């Protein structure tokens, strides 16, 4: 296999820098980005690189949600008892 030749299958070809710029721009749009990430993760007609990137983004989001919920459960009560009108805390 010659790695200098572009892949014949467009779903297997490496993404170009311009492709990544478009992907980052589209995923930065709040609702549109989330919908595209979910679509790219599970659709069959998506480039393998875009699909893997989308799966990684979903994994990071899930990890951050679990971490956030864990921290809220562990420390939420502590922070809810802070009185901002207490001059000793300033």
PDB file of N, CA and C in Angstrom:
ATOM      1  N   UNK A   1       0.840  -1.176   0.000  1.00  0.00           N
ATOM      2  CA  UNK A   1       0.000   0.000   0.000  1.00  0.00           C
ATOM      3  C   UNK A   1       0.887   1.242   0.000  1.00  0.00           C
ATOM      4  N   UNK A   2       0.600   2.161  -0.868  1.00  0.00           N
ATOM      5  CA  UNK A   2       1.353   3.404  -0.955  1.00  0.00           C
ATOM      6  C   UNK A   2       0.625   4.468  -0.141  1.00  0.00           C
ATOM      7  N   UNK A   3       1.273   4.950   0.932  1.00  0.00           N
ATOM      8  CA  UNK A   3       0.622   5.904   1.830  1.00  0.00           C
ATOM      9  C   UNK A   3       0.613   7.321   1.266  1.00  0.00           C
ATOM     10  N   UNK A   4       1.347   7.560   0.203  1.00  0.00           N
ATOM     11  CA  UNK A   4       1.355   8.886  -0.408  1.00  0.00           C
ATOM     12  C   UNK A   4       0.165   9.094  -1.324  1.00  0.00           C
ATOM     13  N   UNK A   5      -0.459   8.012  -1.739  1.00  0.00           N
ATOM     14  CA  UNK A   5      -1.628   8.098  -2.597  1.00  0.00           C
ATOM     15  C   UNK A   5      -2.870   8.357  -1.750  1.00  0.00           C
ATOM     16  N   UNK A   6      -3.748   9.249  -2.205  1.00  0.00           N
ATOM     17  CA  UNK A   6      -4.987   9.459  -1.457  1.00  0.00           C
ATOM     18  C   UNK A   6      -5.863   8.206  -1.510  1.00  0.00           C
ATOM     19  N   UNK A   7      -6.564   7.962  -0.450  1.00  0.00           N
ATOM     20  CA  UNK A   7      -7.442   6.810  -0.383  1.00  0.00           C
ATOM     21  C   UNK A   7      -8.567   6.954  -1.397  1.00  0.00           C
ATOM     22  N   UNK A   8      -8.966   5.844  -1.996  1.00  0.00           N
ATOM     23  CA  UNK A   8     -10.039   5.884  -2.986  1.00  0.00           C
ATOM     24  C   UNK A   8     -11.402   6.079  -2.319  1.00  0.00           C
ATOM     25  N   UNK A   9     -11.527   5.607  -1.101  1.00  0.00           N
ATOM     26  CA  UNK A   9     -12.782   5.734  -0.387  1.00  0.00           C
ATOM     27  C   UNK A   9     -12.811   7.086   0.333  1.00  0.00           C
ATOM     28  N   UNK A  10     -13.774   7.974  -0.011  1.00  0.00           N
ATOM     29  CA  UNK A  10     -13.807   9.292   0.641  1.00  0.00           C
ATOM     30  C   UNK A  10     -14.096   9.209   2.137  1.00  0.00           C
ATOM     31  N   UNK A  11     -14.665   8.113   2.588  1.00  0.00           N
ATOM     32  CA  UNK A  11     -14.938   7.968   4.018  1.00  0.00           C
ATOM     33  C   UNK A  11     -13.683   7.575   4.794  1.00  0.00           C
ATOM     34  N   UNK A  12     -12.622   7.214   4.080  1.00  0.00           N
ATOM     35  CA  UNK A  12     -11.375   6.809   4.718  1.00  0.00           C
ATOM     36  C   UNK A  12     -10.252   7.839   4.555  1.00  0.00           C
ATOM     37  N   UNK A  13     -10.455   8.840   3.704  1.00  0.00           N
ATOM     38  CA  UNK A  13      -9.382   9.791   3.419  1.00  0.00           C
ATOM     39  C   UNK A  13      -9.099  10.672   4.627  1.00  0.00           C
ATOM     40  N   UNK A  14      -7.862  11.107   4.791  1.00  0.00           N
ATOM     41  CA  UNK A  14      -7.554  12.041   5.880  1.00  0.00           C
ATOM     42  C   UNK A  14      -8.252  13.373   5.656  1.00  0.00           C
ATOM     43  N   UNK A  15      -8.675  13.993   6.721  1.00  0.00           N
ATOM     44  CA  UNK A  15      -9.301  15.302   6.609  1.00  0.00           C
ATOM     45  C   UNK A  15      -8.222  16.364   6.444  1.00  0.00           C
ATOM     46  N   UNK A  16      -8.520  17.352   5.635  1.00  0.00           N
ATOM     47  CA  UNK A  16      -7.580  18.441   5.387  1.00  0.00           C
ATOM     48  C   UNK A  16      -7.736  19.513   6.461  1.00  0.00           C
ATOM     49  N   UNK A  17      -6.806  20.446   6.503  1.00  0.00           N
ATOM     50  CA  UNK A  17      -6.861  21.524   7.493  1.00  0.00           C
ATOM     51  C   UNK A  17      -8.153  22.323   7.342  1.00  0.00           C
ATOM     52  N   UNK A  18      -8.551  22.577   6.121  1.00  0.00           N
ATOM     53  CA  UNK A  18      -9.804  23.299   5.879  1.00  0.00           C
ATOM     54  C   UNK A  18     -11.010  22.540   6.416  1.00  0.00           C
ATOM     55  N   UNK A  19     -10.981  21.219   6.289  1.00  0.00           N
ATOM     56  CA  UNK A  19     -12.069  20.402   6.829  1.00  0.00           C
ATOM     57  C   UNK A  19     -12.159  20.565   8.344  1.00  0.00           C
ATOM     58  N   UNK A  20     -10.986  20.555   9.015  1.00  0.00           N
ATOM     59  CA  UNK A  20     -10.970  20.694  10.478  1.00  0.00           C
ATOM     60  C   UNK A  20     -11.441  22.072  10.904  1.00  0.00           C
ATOM     61  N   UNK A  21     -11.100  23.101  10.147  1.00  0.00           N
ATOM     62  CA  UNK A  21     -11.556  24.457  10.467  1.00  0.00           C
ATOM     63  C   UNK A  21     -13.079  24.525  10.392  1.00  0.00           C
ATOM     64  N   UNK A  22     -13.649  23.938   9.358  1.00  0.00           N
ATOM     65  CA  UNK A  22     -15.113  23.912   9.219  1.00  0.00           C
ATOM     66  C   UNK A  22     -15.733  23.113  10.359  1.00  0.00           C
ATOM     67  N   UNK A  23     -15.141  21.978  10.708  1.00  0.00           N
ATOM     68  CA  UNK A  23     -15.668  21.153  11.798  1.00  0.00           C
ATOM     69  C   UNK A  23     -15.653  21.932  13.108  1.00  0.00           C
ATOM     70  N   UNK A  24     -14.529  22.586  13.426  1.00  0.00           N
ATOM     71  CA  UNK A  24     -14.441  23.358  14.670  1.00  0.00           C
ATOM     72  C   UNK A  24     -15.414  24.527  14.669  1.00  0.00           C
ATOM     73  N   UNK A  25     -15.583  25.177  13.517  1.00  0.00           N
ATOM     74  CA  UNK A  25     -16.532  26.288  13.440  1.00  0.00           C
ATOM     75  C   UNK A  25     -17.965  25.793  13.665  1.00  0.00           C
ATOM     76  N   UNK A  26     -18.344  24.719  12.991  1.00  0.00           N
ATOM     77  CA  UNK A  26     -19.712  24.209  13.122  1.00  0.00           C
ATOM     78  C   UNK A  26     -19.997  23.688  14.527  1.00  0.00           C
ATOM     79  N   UNK A  27     -19.020  23.025  15.134  1.00  0.00           N
ATOM     80  CA  UNK A  27     -19.267  22.482  16.475  1.00  0.00           C
ATOM     81  C   UNK A  27     -19.256  23.562  17.549  1.00  0.00           C
ATOM     82  N   UNK A  28     -18.777  24.749  17.224  1.00  0.00           N
ATOM     83  CA  UNK A  28     -18.794  25.833  18.206  1.00  0.00           C
ATOM     84  C   UNK A  28     -20.153  26.522  18.285  1.00  0.00           C
ATOM     85  N   UNK A  29     -21.034  26.252  17.338  1.00  0.00           N
ATOM     86  CA  UNK A  29     -22.392  26.802  17.376  1.00  0.00           C
ATOM     87  C   UNK A  29     -23.196  25.946  18.351  1.00  0.00           C
ATOM     88  N   UNK A  30     -23.771  26.541  19.403  1.00  0.00           N
ATOM     89  CA  UNK A  30     -24.316  25.750  20.515  1.00  0.00           C
ATOM     90  C   UNK A  30     -25.222  24.573  20.140  1.00  0.00           C
ATOM     91  N   UNK A  31     -26.375  24.780  19.586  1.00  0.00           N
ATOM     92  CA  UNK A  31     -27.300  23.673  19.331  1.00  0.00           C
ATOM     93  C   UNK A  31     -26.893  22.892  18.091  1.00  0.00           C
ATOM     94  N   UNK A  32     -26.495  23.608  17.057  1.00  0.00           N
ATOM     95  CA  UNK A  32     -26.091  22.976  15.800  1.00  0.00           C
ATOM     96  C   UNK A  32     -24.901  22.053  16.037  1.00  0.00           C
ATOM     97  N   UNK A  33     -23.941  22.512  16.823  1.00  0.00           N
ATOM     98  CA  UNK A  33     -22.756  21.710  17.102  1.00  0.00           C
ATOM     99  C   UNK A  33     -23.084  20.404  17.785  1.00  0.00           C
ATOM    100  N   UNK A  34     -23.973  20.451  18.773  1.00  0.00           N
ATOM    101  CA  UNK A  34     -24.347  19.229  19.485  1.00  0.00           C
ATOM    102  C   UNK A  34     -25.059  18.249  18.557  1.00  0.00           C
ATOM    103  N   UNK A  35     -25.962  18.761  17.738  1.00  0.00           N
ATOM    104  CA  UNK A  35     -26.687  17.894  16.797  1.00  0.00           C
ATOM    105  C   UNK A  35     -25.712  17.262  15.804  1.00  0.00           C
ATOM    106  N   UNK A  36     -24.768  18.044  15.286  1.00  0.00           N
ATOM    107  CA  UNK A  36     -23.791  17.502  14.344  1.00  0.00           C
ATOM    108  C   UNK A  36     -22.896  16.466  15.001  1.00  0.00           C
ATOM    109  N   UNK A  37     -22.457  16.712  16.230  1.00  0.00           N
ATOM    110  CA  UNK A  37     -21.612  15.742  16.934  1.00  0.00           C
ATOM    111  C   UNK A  37     -22.348  14.416  17.094  1.00  0.00           C
ATOM    112  N   UNK A  38     -23.596  14.473  17.476  1.00  0.00           N
ATOM    113  CA  UNK A  38     -24.382  13.240  17.644  1.00  0.00           C
ATOM    114  C   UNK A  38     -24.572  12.554  16.290  1.00  0.00           C
ATOM    115  N   UNK A  39     -24.902  13.324  15.259  1.00  0.00           N
ATOM    116  CA  UNK A  39     -25.101  12.736  13.931  1.00  0.00           C
ATOM    117  C   UNK A  39     -23.813  12.085  13.416  1.00  0.00           C
ATOM    118  N   UNK A  40     -22.695  12.830  13.498  1.00  0.00           N
ATOM    119  CA  UNK A  40     -21.431  12.307  12.987  1.00  0.00           C
ATOM    120  C   UNK A  40     -20.983  11.069  13.750  1.00  0.00           C
ATOM    121  N   UNK A  41     -21.360  10.950  15.003  1.00  0.00           N
ATOM    122  CA  UNK A  41     -20.951   9.794  15.800  1.00  0.00           C
ATOM    123  C   UNK A  41     -21.630   8.508  15.362  1.00  0.00           C
ATOM    124  N   UNK A  42     -22.868   8.606  14.929  1.00  0.00           N
ATOM    125  CA  UNK A  42     -23.658   7.402  14.697  1.00  0.00           C
ATOM    126  C   UNK A  42     -24.034   7.153  13.244  1.00  0.00           C
ATOM    127  N   UNK A  43     -23.779   8.107  12.346  1.00  0.00           N
ATOM    128  CA  UNK A  43     -24.140   7.916  10.934  1.00  0.00           C
ATOM    129  C   UNK A  43     -23.102   7.031  10.248  1.00  0.00           C
ATOM    130  N   UNK A  44     -23.548   6.317   9.228  1.00  0.00           N
ATOM    131  CA  UNK A  44     -22.659   5.419   8.490  1.00  0.00           C
ATOM    132  C   UNK A  44     -21.950   6.109   7.326  1.00  0.00           C
ATOM    133  N   UNK A  45     -22.478   7.242   6.865  1.00  0.00           N
ATOM    134  CA  UNK A  45     -21.925   7.908   5.688  1.00  0.00           C
ATOM    135  C   UNK A  45     -21.015   9.083   6.056  1.00  0.00           C
ATOM    136  N   UNK A  46     -20.270   8.953   7.165  1.00  0.00           N
ATOM    137  CA  UNK A  46     -19.405  10.021   7.657  1.00  0.00           C
ATOM    138  C   UNK A  46     -17.957   9.546   7.626  1.00  0.00           C
ATOM    139  N   UNK A  47     -17.056  10.456   7.303  1.00  0.00           N
ATOM    140  CA  UNK A  47     -15.628  10.149   7.292  1.00  0.00           C
ATOM    141  C   UNK A  47     -15.214   9.575   8.646  1.00  0.00           C
ATOM    142  N   UNK A  48     -14.364   8.565   8.623  1.00  0.00           N
ATOM    143  CA  UNK A  48     -13.953   7.855   9.836  1.00  0.00           C
ATOM    144  C   UNK A  48     -13.250   8.785  10.827  1.00  0.00           C
ATOM    145  N   UNK A  49     -12.501   9.757  10.327  1.00  0.00           N
ATOM    146  CA  UNK A  49     -11.823  10.703  11.207  1.00  0.00           C
ATOM    147  C   UNK A  49     -12.821  11.594  11.933  1.00  0.00           C
ATOM    148  N   UNK A  50     -13.824  12.066  11.202  1.00  0.00           N
ATOM    149  CA  UNK A  50     -14.868  12.904  11.797  1.00  0.00           C
ATOM    150  C   UNK A  50     -15.685  12.096  12.796  1.00  0.00           C
ATOM    151  N   UNK A  51     -15.937  10.830  12.471  1.00  0.00           N
ATOM    152  CA  UNK A  51     -16.695   9.953  13.358  1.00  0.00           C
ATOM    153  C   UNK A  51     -15.934   9.717  14.663  1.00  0.00           C
ATOM    154  N   UNK A  52     -14.637   9.445  14.571  1.00  0.00           N
ATOM    155  CA  UNK A  52     -13.837   9.226  15.778  1.00  0.00           C
ATOM    156  C   UNK A  52     -13.722  10.499  16.610  1.00  0.00           C
ATOM    157  N   UNK A  53     -13.559  11.638  15.952  1.00  0.00           N
ATOM    158  CA  UNK A  53     -13.519  12.920  16.666  1.00  0.00           C
ATOM    159  C   UNK A  53     -14.826  13.143  17.422  1.00  0.00           C
ATOM    160  N   UNK A  54     -15.952  12.881  16.781  1.00  0.00           N
ATOM    161  CA  UNK A  54     -17.255  13.085  17.414  1.00  0.00           C
ATOM    162  C   UNK A  54     -17.451  12.152  18.603  1.00  0.00           C
ATOM    163  N   UNK A  55     -17.020  10.917  18.461  1.00  0.00           N
ATOM    164  CA  UNK A  55     -17.119   9.978  19.580  1.00  0.00           C
ATOM    165  C   UNK A  55     -16.253  10.437  20.749  1.00  0.00           C
ATOM    166  N   UNK A  56     -15.077  10.973  20.451  1.00  0.00           N
ATOM    167  CA  UNK A  56     -14.203  11.484  21.508  1.00  0.00           C
ATOM    168  C   UNK A  56     -14.832  12.682  22.209  1.00  0.00           C
ATOM    169  N   UNK A  57     -15.470  13.562  21.458  1.00  0.00           N
ATOM    170  CA  UNK A  57     -16.138  14.721  22.057  1.00  0.00           C
ATOM    171  C   UNK A  57     -17.270  14.267  22.973  1.00  0.00           C
ATOM    172  N   UNK A  58     -18.061  13.296  22.530  1.00  0.00           N
ATOM    173  CA  UNK A  58     -19.145  12.782  23.367  1.00  0.00           C
ATOM    174  C   UNK A  58     -18.586  12.145  24.633  1.00  0.00           C
ATOM    175  N   UNK A  59     -17.498  11.400  24.526  1.00  0.00           N
ATOM    176  CA  UNK A  59     -16.885  10.781  25.694  1.00  0.00           C
ATOM    177  C   UNK A  59     -16.405  11.843  26.691  1.00  0.00           C
ATOM    178  N   UNK A  60     -15.777  12.896  26.199  1.00  0.00           N
ATOM    179  CA  UNK A  60     -15.314  13.973  27.077  1.00  0.00           C
ATOM    180  C   UNK A  60     -16.500  14.664  27.746  1.00  0.00           C
ATOM    181  N   UNK A  61     -17.581  14.899  27.005  1.00  0.00           N
ATOM    182  CA  UNK A  61     -18.776  15.520  27.588  1.00  0.00           C
ATOM    183  C   UNK A  61     -19.344  14.644  28.689  1.00  0.00           C
ATOM    184  N   UNK A  62     -19.434  13.344  28.463  1.00  0.00           N
ATOM    185  CA  UNK A  62     -19.960  12.425  29.483  1.00  0.00           C
ATOM    186  C   UNK A  62     -19.067  12.424  30.723  1.00  0.00           C
ATOM    187  N   UNK A  63     -17.754  12.403  30.522  1.00  0.00           N
ATOM    188  CA  UNK A  63     -16.824  12.427  31.658  1.00  0.00           C
ATOM    189  C   UNK A  63     -16.994  13.719  32.452  1.00  0.00           C
ATOM    190  N   UNK A  64     -17.110  14.852  31.769  1.00  0.00           N
ATOM    191  CA  UNK A  64     -17.279  16.127  32.460  1.00  0.00           C
ATOM    192  C   UNK A  64     -18.605  16.202  33.209  1.00  0.00           C
ATOM    193  N   UNK A  65     -19.671  15.645  32.642  1.00  0.00           N
ATOM    194  CA  UNK A  65     -20.961  15.633  33.326  1.00  0.00           C
ATOM    195  C   UNK A  65     -20.881  14.777  34.585  1.00  0.00           C
ATOM    196  N   UNK A  66     -20.288  13.602  34.486  1.00  0.00           N
ATOM    197  CA  UNK A  66     -20.148  12.722  35.657  1.00  0.00           C
ATOM    198  C   UNK A  66     -19.287  13.392  36.722  1.00  0.00           C
ATOM    199  N   UNK A  67     -18.193  14.023  36.315  1.00  0.00           N
ATOM    200  CA  UNK A  67     -17.323  14.716  37.256  1.00  0.00           C
ATOM    201  C   UNK A  67     -18.053  15.882  37.929  1.00  0.00           C
ATOM    202  N   UNK A  68     -18.816  16.636  37.166  1.00  0.00           N
ATOM    203  CA  UNK A  68     -19.571  17.760  37.715  1.00  0.00           C
ATOM    204  C   UNK A  68     -20.610  17.287  38.720  1.00  0.00           C
ATOM    205  N   UNK A  69     -21.347  16.248  38.380  1.00  0.00           N
ATOM    206  CA  UNK A  69     -22.360  15.716  39.300  1.00  0.00           C
ATOM    207  C   UNK A  69     -21.694  15.197  40.565  1.00  0.00           C
ATOM    208  N   UNK A  70     -20.561  14.525  40.422  1.00  0.00           N
ATOM    209  CA  UNK A  70     -19.843  14.015  41.591  1.00  0.00           C
ATOM    210  C   UNK A  70     -19.391  15.153  42.497  1.00  0.00           C
ATOM    211  N   UNK A  71     -18.833  16.193  41.927  1.00  0.00           N
ATOM    212  CA  UNK A  71     -18.381  17.333  42.729  1.00  0.00           C
ATOM    213  C   UNK A  71     -19.544  18.063  43.392  1.00  0.00           C
ATOM    214  N   UNK A  72     -20.658  18.180  42.694  1.00  0.00           N
ATOM    215  CA  UNK A  72     -21.834  18.820  43.294  1.00  0.00           C
ATOM    216  C   UNK A  72     -22.340  17.997  44.466  1.00  0.00           C
ATOM    217  N   UNK A  73     -22.376  16.684  44.303  1.00  0.00           N
ATOM    218  CA  UNK A  73     -22.849  15.833  45.401  1.00  0.00           C
ATOM    219  C   UNK A  73     -21.882  15.860  46.590  1.00  0.00           C
ATOM    220  N   UNK A  74     -20.593  15.929  46.312  1.00  0.00           N
ATOM    221  CA  UNK A  74     -19.613  15.925  47.395  1.00  0.00           C
ATOM    222  C   UNK A  74     -19.508  17.273  48.104  1.00  0.00           C
ATOM    223  N   UNK A  75     -19.514  18.365  47.346  1.00  0.00           N
ATOM    224  CA  UNK A  75     -19.236  19.675  47.920  1.00  0.00           C
ATOM    225  C   UNK A  75     -20.398  20.654  47.832  1.00  0.00           C
ATOM    226  N   UNK A  76     -21.492  20.264  47.264  1.00  0.00           N
ATOM    227  CA  UNK A  76     -22.626  21.167  47.100  1.00  0.00           C
ATOM    228  C   UNK A  76     -23.177  21.674  48.414  1.00  0.00           C
ATOM    229  N   UNK A  77     -23.295  20.818  49.388  1.00  0.00           N
ATOM    230  CA  UNK A  77     -23.816  21.212  50.690  1.00  0.00           C
ATOM    231  C   UNK A  77     -22.871  22.200  51.364  1.00  0.00           C
ATOM    232  N   UNK A  78     -21.586  21.993  51.224  1.00  0.00           N
ATOM    233  CA  UNK A  78     -20.601  22.902  51.821  1.00  0.00           C
ATOM    234  C   UNK A  78     -20.752  24.310  51.267  1.00  0.00           C
ATOM    235  N   UNK A  79     -20.865  24.439  49.954  1.00  0.00           N
ATOM    236  CA  UNK A  79     -20.961  25.756  49.343  1.00  0.00           C
ATOM    237  C   UNK A  79     -22.330  26.386  49.520  1.00  0.00           C
ATOM    238  N   UNK A  80     -23.341  25.611  49.732  1.00  0.00           N
ATOM    239  CA  UNK A  80     -24.674  26.184  49.933  1.00  0.00           C
ATOM    240  C   UNK A  80     -24.810  26.814  51.317  1.00  0.00           C
ATOM    241  N   UNK A  81     -23.925  26.481  52.258  1.00  0.00           N
ATOM    242  CA  UNK A  81     -23.977  27.047  53.599  1.00  0.00           C
ATOM    243  C   UNK A  81     -23.177  28.332  53.733  1.00  0.00           C
ATOM    244  N   UNK A  82     -22.493  28.758  52.694  1.00  0.00           N
ATOM    245  CA  UNK A  82     -21.716  29.986  52.756  1.00  0.00           C
ATOM    246  C   UNK A  82     -22.662  31.178  52.690  1.00  0.00           C
ATOM    247  N   UNK A  83     -22.490  32.090  53.630  1.00  0.00           N
ATOM    248  CA  UNK A  83     -23.297  33.304  53.672  1.00  0.00           C
ATOM    249  C   UNK A  83     -22.447  34.433  53.100  1.00  0.00           C
ATOM    250  N   UNK A  84     -22.850  34.989  51.963  1.00  0.00           N
ATOM    251  CA  UNK A  84     -22.024  36.026  51.333  1.00  0.00           C
ATOM    252  C   UNK A  84     -22.096  37.341  52.101  1.00  0.00           C
ATOM    253  N   UNK A  85     -23.063  37.487  53.004  1.00  0.00           N
ATOM    254  CA  UNK A  85     -23.165  38.700  53.797  1.00  0.00           C
ATOM    255  C   UNK A  85     -22.294  38.652  55.040  1.00  0.00           C
ATOM    256  N   UNK A  86     -21.616  37.539  55.264  1.00  0.00           N
ATOM    257  CA  UNK A  86     -20.750  37.380  56.424  1.00  0.00           C
ATOM    258  C   UNK A  86     -19.429  38.112  56.150  1.00  0.00           C
ATOM    259  N   UNK A  87     -19.103  39.176  56.941  1.00  0.00           N
ATOM    260  CA  UNK A  87     -17.895  39.945  56.645  1.00  0.00           C
ATOM    261  C   UNK A  87     -16.613  39.161  56.892  1.00  0.00           C
ATOM    262  N   UNK A  88     -16.651  38.078  57.647  1.00  0.00           N
ATOM    263  CA  UNK A  88     -15.436  37.302  57.903  1.00  0.00           C
ATOM    264  C   UNK A  88     -14.976  36.559  56.665  1.00  0.00           C
ATOM    265  N   UNK A  89     -15.836  36.344  55.706  1.00  0.00           N
ATOM    266  CA  UNK A  89     -15.469  35.615  54.496  1.00  0.00           C
ATOM    267  C   UNK A  89     -14.879  36.531  53.425  1.00  0.00           C
ATOM    268  N   UNK A  90     -14.974  37.821  53.607  1.00  0.00           N
ATOM    269  CA  UNK A  90     -14.485  38.753  52.600  1.00  0.00           C
ATOM    270  C   UNK A  90     -13.045  39.082  52.826  1.00  0.00           C
TER     271      UNK A  90
END
